[in-house]
C-alpha atoms as a PDB file:
ATOM      1  CA  MET A   1       0.004   0.044   0.027  1.00  0.00           C
ATOM      2  CA  ASN A   2       2.939   2.344   0.755  1.00  0.00           C
ATOM      3  CA  ASP A   3       3.886   2.066  -2.815  1.00  0.00           C
ATOM      4  CA  ILE A   4       0.706   3.195  -4.049  1.00  0.00           C
ATOM      5  CA  LEU A   5       0.572   6.419  -2.087  1.00  0.00           C
ATOM      6  CA  PRO A   6       2.939   8.552  -4.032  1.00  0.00           C
ATOM      7  CA  GLU A   7       0.777   7.716  -7.069  1.00  0.00           C
ATOM      8  CA  ARG A   8      -2.328   8.969  -5.368  1.00  0.00           C
ATOM      9  CA  ILE A   9      -0.371  12.146  -4.123  1.00  0.00           C
ATOM     10  CA  LYS A  10       1.148  13.092  -7.381  1.00  0.00           C
ATOM     11  CA  ASN A  11      -2.189  14.253  -8.905  1.00  0.00           C
ATOM     12  CA  ALA A  12      -3.835  15.197  -5.767  1.00  0.00           C
ATOM     13  CA  GLY A  13      -5.750  18.383  -5.573  1.00  0.00           C
ATOM     14  CA  HIS A  14      -7.428  20.965  -7.921  1.00  0.00           C
ATOM     15  CA  TYR A  15      -6.924  23.658 -10.347  1.00  0.00           C
ATOM     16  CA  SER A  16      -8.728  26.456  -8.818  1.00  0.00           C
ATOM     17  CA  LEU A  17      -9.529  30.163  -9.670  1.00  0.00           C
ATOM     18  CA  LYS A  18     -11.108  32.636  -7.189  1.00  0.00           C
ATOM     19  CA  PHE A  19     -12.605  35.526  -8.581  1.00  0.00           C
ATOM     20  CA  PHE A  20     -15.188  38.382  -8.226  1.00  0.00           C
ATOM     21  CA  VAL A  21     -16.628  40.193 -11.377  1.00  0.00           C
ATOM     22  CA  THR A  22     -19.936  42.113 -12.193  1.00  0.00           C
ATOM     23  CA  PRO A  23     -23.040  40.204 -12.817  1.00  0.00           C
ATOM     24  CA  ASP A  24     -22.660  40.999 -16.554  1.00  0.00           C
ATOM     25  CA  GLU A  25     -19.083  39.842 -16.719  1.00  0.00           C
ATOM     26  CA  PHE A  26     -20.118  36.820 -15.188  1.00  0.00           C
ATOM     27  CA  CYS A  27     -22.900  36.132 -17.652  1.00  0.00           C
ATOM     28  CA  ASP A  28     -20.431  36.505 -20.176  1.00  0.00           C
ATOM     29  CA  ILE A  29     -18.280  33.665 -18.659  1.00  0.00           C
ATOM     30  CA  ALA A  30     -21.417  31.755 -18.156  1.00  0.00           C
ATOM     31  CA  LYS A  31     -21.982  31.763 -22.163  1.00  0.00           C
ATOM     32  CA  LEU A  32     -18.608  29.661 -22.497  1.00  0.00           C
ATOM     33  CA  PHE A  33     -20.714  27.061 -20.652  1.00  0.00           C
ATOM     34  CA  GLU A  34     -23.656  27.502 -22.360  1.00  0.00           C
ATOM     35  CA  ALA A  35     -21.957  26.938 -25.650  1.00  0.00           C
ATOM     36  CA  LYS A  36     -20.704  23.591 -24.377  1.00  0.00           C
ATOM     37  CA  GLN A  37     -24.411  22.605 -23.178  1.00  0.00           C
ATOM     38  CA  ALA A  38     -23.503  22.386 -19.443  1.00  0.00           C
ATOM     39  CA  GLN A  39     -25.779  21.900 -16.837  1.00  0.00           C
ATOM     40  CA  PHE A  40     -25.737  23.799 -13.471  1.00  0.00           C
ATOM     41  CA  ARG A  41     -26.711  21.417 -10.692  1.00  0.00           C
ATOM     42  CA  GLU A  42     -27.402  22.429  -7.214  1.00  0.00           C
ATOM     43  CA  SER A  43     -25.253  20.504  -4.640  1.00  0.00           C
ATOM     44  CA  THR A  44     -28.206  19.210  -2.952  1.00  0.00           C
ATOM     45  CA  LEU A  45     -30.059  15.886  -2.793  1.00  0.00           C
ATOM     46  CA  ALA A  46     -32.488  17.328  -5.174  1.00  0.00           C
ATOM     47  CA  ALA A  47     -29.723  18.196  -7.513  1.00  0.00           C
ATOM     48  CA  THR A  48     -31.917  20.739  -9.340  1.00  0.00           C
ATOM     49  CA  VAL A  49     -30.785  21.865 -12.763  1.00  0.00           C
ATOM     50  CA  HIS A  50     -31.085  25.519 -13.269  1.00  0.00           C
ATOM     51  CA  ASP A  51     -30.811  27.398 -16.815  1.00  0.00           C
ATOM     52  CA  PHE A  52     -28.356  29.837 -17.555  1.00  0.00           C
ATOM     53  CA  GLU A  53     -30.781  32.915 -16.600  1.00  0.00           C
ATOM     54  CA  ASP A  54     -31.556  31.238 -13.202  1.00  0.00           C
ATOM     55  CA  VAL A  55     -27.750  30.970 -12.658  1.00  0.00           C
ATOM     56  CA  CYS A  56     -27.035  34.285 -13.701  1.00  0.00           C
ATOM     57  CA  ARG A  57     -29.715  35.756 -11.435  1.00  0.00           C
ATOM     58  CA  GLY A  58     -28.242  33.784  -8.517  1.00  0.00           C
ATOM     59  CA  TYR A  59     -24.990  35.630  -9.233  1.00  0.00           C
ATOM     60  CA  ARG A  60     -26.546  38.861  -9.339  1.00  0.00           C
ATOM     61  CA  LYS A  61     -28.082  38.316  -5.697  1.00  0.00           C
ATOM     62  CA  PHE A  62     -24.747  37.072  -4.646  1.00  0.00           C
ATOM     63  CA  TYR A  63     -22.743  40.081  -5.972  1.00  0.00           C
ATOM     64  CA  ASP A  64     -25.385  42.473  -4.885  1.00  0.00           C
ATOM     65  CA  TYR A  65     -25.212  41.447  -1.142  1.00  0.00           C
ATOM     66  CA  PHE A  66     -21.328  42.919  -0.990  1.00  0.00           C
ATOM     67  CA  VAL A  67     -21.863  45.796  -3.074  1.00  0.00           C
ATOM     68  CA  ALA A  68     -24.967  46.972  -1.303  1.00  0.00           C
ATOM     69  CA  LYS A  69     -24.587  50.063   0.541  1.00  0.00           C
ATOM     70  CA  GLY A  70     -26.213  48.597   3.612  1.00  0.00           C
ATOM     71  CA  LYS A  71     -25.492  45.446   4.818  1.00  0.00           C
ATOM     72  CA  PRO A  72     -28.663  43.055   3.701  1.00  0.00           C
ATOM     73  CA  SER A  73     -30.036  40.519   5.697  1.00  0.00           C
ATOM     74  CA  GLY A  74     -29.539  36.910   5.261  1.00  0.00           C
ATOM     75  CA  PHE A  75     -26.390  35.209   3.918  1.00  0.00           C
ATOM     76  CA  ALA A  76     -24.648  35.558   0.171  1.00  0.00           C
ATOM     77  CA  SER A  77     -24.744  31.740  -1.300  1.00  0.00           C
ATOM     78  CA  PHE A  78     -23.640  30.518  -4.765  1.00  0.00           C
ATOM     79  CA  VAL A  79     -22.826  26.804  -5.150  1.00  0.00           C
ATOM     80  CA  TYR A  80     -23.135  24.578  -8.185  1.00  0.00           C
ATOM     81  CA  ALA A  81     -21.615  21.355  -9.719  1.00  0.00           C
ATOM     82  CA  ILE A  82     -21.330  22.040 -13.332  1.00  0.00           C
ATOM     83  CA  ASP A  83     -21.669  19.178 -15.817  1.00  0.00           C
ATOM     84  CA  PHE A  84     -21.026  18.821 -19.428  1.00  0.00           C
ATOM     85  CA  SER A  85     -19.318  16.077 -21.651  1.00  0.00           C
ATOM     86  CA  LEU A  86     -16.625  17.034 -23.994  1.00  0.00           C
ATOM     87  CA  ASP A  87     -14.377  13.872 -23.989  1.00  0.00           C
ATOM     88  CA  SER A  88     -15.410  10.112 -24.871  1.00  0.00           C
ATOM     89  CA  GLY A  89     -15.613   7.897 -21.919  1.00  0.00           C
ATOM     90  CA  GLY A  90     -18.255   9.716 -19.886  1.00  0.00           C
ATOM     91  CA  ASN A  91     -19.464  13.182 -18.250  1.00  0.00           C
ATOM     92  CA  SER A  92     -16.855  15.264 -16.183  1.00  0.00           C
ATOM     93  CA  GLY A  93     -17.341  19.044 -14.921  1.00  0.00           C
ATOM     94  CA  PHE A  94     -16.313  21.840 -12.678  1.00  0.00           C
ATOM     95  CA  PHE A  95     -17.337  23.044  -9.244  1.00  0.00           C
ATOM     96  CA  ALA A  96     -18.176  26.591  -8.352  1.00  0.00           C
ATOM     97  CA  ARG A  97     -19.086  27.904  -4.924  1.00  0.00           C
ATOM     98  CA  HIS A  98     -18.741  30.911  -2.640  1.00  0.00           C
ATOM     99  CA  GLU A  99     -15.302  30.905  -0.619  1.00  0.00           C
ATOM    100  CA  LEU A 100     -14.124  33.211   2.231  1.00  0.00           C
ATOM    101  CA  ILE A 101     -11.462  35.609   1.636  1.00  0.00           C
ATOM    102  CA  ASN A 102      -9.317  35.487   4.670  1.00  0.00           C
ATOM    103  CA  TRP A 103      -7.765  38.604   6.047  1.00  0.00           C
ATOM    104  CA  ILE A 104      -7.011  39.828   9.644  1.00  0.00           C
ATOM    105  CA  TYR A 105      -8.677  43.008  11.124  1.00  0.00           C
ATOM    106  CA  ASN A 106      -7.144  44.364  14.585  1.00  0.00           C
ATOM    107  CA  GLY A 107      -5.512  41.016  15.180  1.00  0.00           C
ATOM    108  CA  LYS A 108      -8.375  38.806  14.652  1.00  0.00           C
ATOM    109  CA  TRP A 109     -10.772  37.811  11.955  1.00  0.00           C
ATOM    110  CA  PRO A 110     -13.422  40.057  10.656  1.00  0.00           C
ATOM    111  CA  GLU A 111     -16.828  39.296  12.316  1.00  0.00           C
ATOM    112  CA  ASP A 112     -18.588  39.578   8.650  1.00  0.00           C
ATOM    113  CA  GLU A 113     -17.686  37.396   5.586  1.00  0.00           C
ATOM    114  CA  LEU A 114     -16.430  38.495   2.232  1.00  0.00           C
ATOM    115  CA  ASN A 115     -16.862  35.831  -0.363  1.00  0.00           C
ATOM    116  CA  PHE A 116     -15.472  35.393  -3.914  1.00  0.00           C
ATOM    117  CA  ILE A 117     -16.543  32.680  -6.302  1.00  0.00           C
ATOM    118  CA  ARG A 118     -14.074  29.855  -6.494  1.00  0.00           C
ATOM    119  CA  ILE A 119     -14.350  27.378  -9.366  1.00  0.00           C
ATOM    120  CA  PHE A 120     -12.135  24.259  -9.294  1.00  0.00           C
ATOM    121  CA  PHE A 121     -11.537  21.125 -11.361  1.00  0.00           C
ATOM    122  CA  PRO A 122      -9.574  18.155 -10.279  1.00  0.00           C
ATOM    123  CA  LYS A 123      -6.208  17.266 -11.403  1.00  0.00           C
ATOM    124  CA  GLY A 124      -6.515  13.617 -10.735  1.00  0.00           C
ATOM    125  CA  PHE A 125      -8.715  10.985 -12.511  1.00  0.00           C
ATOM    126  CA  GLN A 126      -9.204   7.773 -10.373  1.00  0.00           C
ATOM    127  CA  VAL A 127      -8.081   4.676 -12.034  1.00  0.00           C
ATOM    128  CA  ASP A 128      -9.427   1.353 -10.114  1.00  0.00           C
ATOM    129  CA  LEU A 129      -6.626  -1.258 -10.168  1.00  0.00           C
ATOM    130  CA  GLU A 130      -6.271  -4.868  -8.811  1.00  0.00           C
ATOM    131  CA  ASP A 131      -3.534  -7.093  -7.825  1.00  0.00           C
ATOM    132  CA  GLU A 132      -2.605  -9.981  -5.744  1.00  0.00           C
ATOM    133  CA  LYS A 133      -3.225  -8.037  -2.717  1.00  0.00           C
ATOM    134  CA  GLY A 134      -6.533  -6.740  -3.718  1.00  0.00           C
ATOM    135  CA  LYS A 135      -8.154  -3.796  -5.201  1.00  0.00           C
ATOM    136  CA  TYR A 136      -6.883  -0.291  -4.994  1.00  0.00           C
ATOM    137  CA  TYR A 137      -6.708   2.992  -6.948  1.00  0.00           C
ATOM    138  CA  ILE A 138      -4.561   5.658  -8.083  1.00  0.00           C
ATOM    139  CA  TYR A 139      -4.877   8.902  -9.579  1.00  0.00           C
ATOM    140  CA  GLU A 140      -3.614   9.675 -13.076  1.00  0.00           C
ATOM    141  CA  ASP A 141      -3.083  12.850 -14.801  1.00  0.00           C
ATOM    142  CA  ILE A 142      -6.482  14.144 -15.557  1.00  0.00           C
ATOM    143  CA  ARG A 143      -5.011  15.865 -18.793  1.00  0.00           C
ATOM    144  CA  GLU A 144      -4.399  12.397 -20.209  1.00  0.00           C
ATOM    145  CA  HIS A 145      -8.120  10.992 -19.571  1.00  0.00           C
ATOM    146  CA  ARG A 146      -9.906  14.427 -20.058  1.00  0.00           C
ATOM    147  CA  PRO A 147      -7.761  16.442 -22.656  1.00  0.00           C
ATOM    148  CA  MET A 148     -10.941  18.371 -23.732  1.00  0.00           C
ATOM    149  CA  THR A 149     -12.387  19.471 -20.296  1.00  0.00           C
ATOM    150  CA  HIS A 150      -8.856  20.187 -19.468  1.00  0.00           C
ATOM    151  CA  ALA A 151      -8.655  22.638 -22.617  1.00  0.00           C
ATOM    152  CA  PHE A 152     -11.791  24.044 -21.651  1.00  0.00           C
ATOM    153  CA  TRP A 153     -10.816  24.453 -17.917  1.00  0.00           C
ATOM    154  CA  GLN A 154      -7.852  26.676 -19.613  1.00  0.00           C
ATOM    155  CA  GLU A 155     -10.184  28.754 -21.920  1.00  0.00           C
ATOM    156  CA  VAL A 156     -12.781  29.566 -19.183  1.00  0.00           C
ATOM    157  CA  THR A 157      -9.968  30.621 -16.893  1.00  0.00           C
ATOM    158  CA  GLY A 158      -7.872  32.189 -19.130  1.00  0.00           C
ATOM    159  CA  TYR A 159     -10.849  34.458 -20.149  1.00  0.00           C
ATOM    160  CA  THR A 160     -11.649  35.276 -16.539  1.00  0.00           C
ATOM    161  CA  LYS A 161      -7.940  35.993 -15.823  1.00  0.00           C
ATOM    162  CA  SER A 162      -8.256  38.464 -18.814  1.00  0.00           C
ATOM    163  CA  ILE A 163     -10.758  40.628 -17.328  1.00  0.00           C
ATOM    164  CA  THR A 164      -9.637  40.645 -13.847  1.00  0.00           C
ATOM    165  CA  ARG A 165      -6.341  41.098 -11.892  1.00  0.00           C
ATOM    166  CA  PRO A 166      -5.071  40.466  -8.420  1.00  0.00           C
ATOM    167  CA  PHE A 167      -7.175  41.579  -5.793  1.00  0.00           C
ATOM    168  CA  LYS A 168      -5.551  43.815  -2.996  1.00  0.00           C
ATOM    169  CA  PHE A 169      -6.804  46.182  -0.540  1.00  0.00           C
ATOM    170  CA  PHE A 170      -5.745  48.413   2.136  1.00  0.00           C
ATOM    171  CA  VAL A 171      -6.665  47.739   5.942  1.00  0.00           C
ATOM    172  CA  PRO A 172      -6.067  50.885   8.301  1.00  0.00           C
ATOM    173  CA  THR A 173      -3.384  50.718  11.053  1.00  0.00           C
ATOM    174  CA  ILE A 174      -2.484  52.951  13.695  1.00  0.00           C
ATOM    175  CA  ASP A 175      -0.484  55.452  11.530  1.00  0.00           C
ATOM    176  CA  SER A 176      -0.886  53.863   8.063  1.00  0.00           C
ATOM    177  CA  PHE A 177      -2.300  51.131   5.840  1.00  0.00           C
ATOM    178  CA  LYS A 178      -1.223  47.670   5.714  1.00  0.00           C
ATOM    179  CA  GLU A 179      -1.666  45.870   2.208  1.00  0.00           C
ATOM    180  CA  GLU A 180      -3.880  42.513   1.862  1.00  0.00           C
ATOM    181  CA  LYS A 181      -3.464  40.587  -1.072  1.00  0.00           C
ATOM    182  CA  PRO A 182      -5.445  37.115  -0.621  1.00  0.00           C
ATOM    183  CA  ALA A 183      -3.757  34.255  -2.626  1.00  0.00           C
ATOM    184  CA  SER A 184      -5.134  33.473  -5.988  1.00  0.00           C
ATOM    185  CA  ALA A 185      -8.093  35.832  -5.797  1.00  0.00           C
ATOM    186  CA  ARG A 186      -9.050  38.151  -8.701  1.00  0.00           C
ATOM    187  CA  ILE A 187     -11.144  40.844  -9.381  1.00  0.00           C
ATOM    188  CA  SER A 188     -12.509  43.120 -12.138  1.00  0.00           C
ATOM    189  CA  ASN A 189     -11.983  46.648 -12.086  1.00  0.00           C
ATOM    190  CA  LYS A 190     -15.626  47.683 -12.202  1.00  0.00           C
ATOM    191  CA  ALA A 191     -16.371  45.005  -9.608  1.00  0.00           C
ATOM    192  CA  LEU A 192     -13.559  46.500  -7.275  1.00  0.00           C
ATOM    193  CA  SER A 193     -14.980  50.093  -7.724  1.00  0.00           C
ATOM    194  CA  GLU A 194     -18.470  48.856  -6.653  1.00  0.00           C
ATOM    195  CA  LEU A 195     -17.430  46.900  -3.904  1.00  0.00           C
ATOM    196  CA  SER A 196     -15.278  49.623  -2.442  1.00  0.00           C
ATOM    197  CA  GLU A 197     -18.342  51.705  -2.525  1.00  0.00           C
ATOM    198  CA  GLY A 198     -20.343  49.065  -0.504  1.00  0.00           C
ATOM    199  CA  TRP A 199     -20.975  48.550   3.090  1.00  0.00           C
ATOM    200  CA  TYR A 200     -18.141  45.818   3.625  1.00  0.00           C
ATOM    201  CA  PHE A 201     -15.433  48.161   2.751  1.00  0.00           C
ATOM    202  CA  LYS A 202     -16.985  51.248   4.537  1.00  0.00           C
ATOM    203  CA  LYS A 203     -17.720  49.184   7.809  1.00  0.00           C
ATOM    204  CA  TYR A 204     -13.835  48.266   7.752  1.00  0.00           C
ATOM    205  CA  HIS A 205     -12.679  51.255   6.575  1.00  0.00           C
ATOM    206  CA  LEU A 206     -10.984  49.750   3.529  1.00  0.00           C
ATOM    207  CA  HIS A 207      -9.276  51.074   0.707  1.00  0.00           C
ATOM    208  CA  ALA A 208      -9.050  49.829  -2.989  1.00  0.00           C
ATOM    209  CA  SER A 209      -6.875  52.483  -4.302  1.00  0.00           C
ATOM    210  CA  ASP A 210      -2.915  51.937  -4.409  1.00  0.00           C
ATOM    211  CA  VAL A 211      -2.590  55.647  -3.960  1.00  0.00           C
ATOM    212  CA  LEU A 212      -3.825  56.633  -0.350  1.00  0.00           C
ATOM    213  CA  LYS A 213      -4.097  60.262   0.248  1.00  0.00           C
ATOM    214  CA  VAL A 214      -3.523  61.640   3.649  1.00  0.00           C
ATOM    215  CA  VAL A 215      -6.522  63.951   4.715  1.00  0.00           C
END
């Protein structure tokens, strides 16, 4: 069994991208999935499939929660399994869900959550094997088993990266500002502008500009 572990670890993990864009920009990303006849399925027991208009409306609700002038009631949520069939041999897909942006405020986690959308895709493809010791499995490179799906991942993330930039913001300290740059998080210019005018940035006195003027 110890000989098998390296083969499992080698292709473990996920390709991943975390982003925050405007609803119109998100719908442009969703059109790439629509062209592949993808299905956005709720990650629930019912596994309800939503059409693209429903998905765009759901994202707008998620987005509006964070750019609103006053904090809305409830909680911002966005979770989907995205299914499609691009390669021979079966269906595959991505996952999309809201995920916390971690940062420190006055030495502790802020009491309110700031979430972006994280889209991810497994790096490994499970292959079931059997020998004289019994049944076992390893993970092989997903690119060898789902090359078209991996190419589509590059298309989606490449486009998303082209309309976004690394997310950074500035947190007030006693006499200055500290830069926060959450790992792997990206944001579009318009989304950053609207987020910086929303309740979350105002509550924690955050700044989005690289150049801070002393008043």
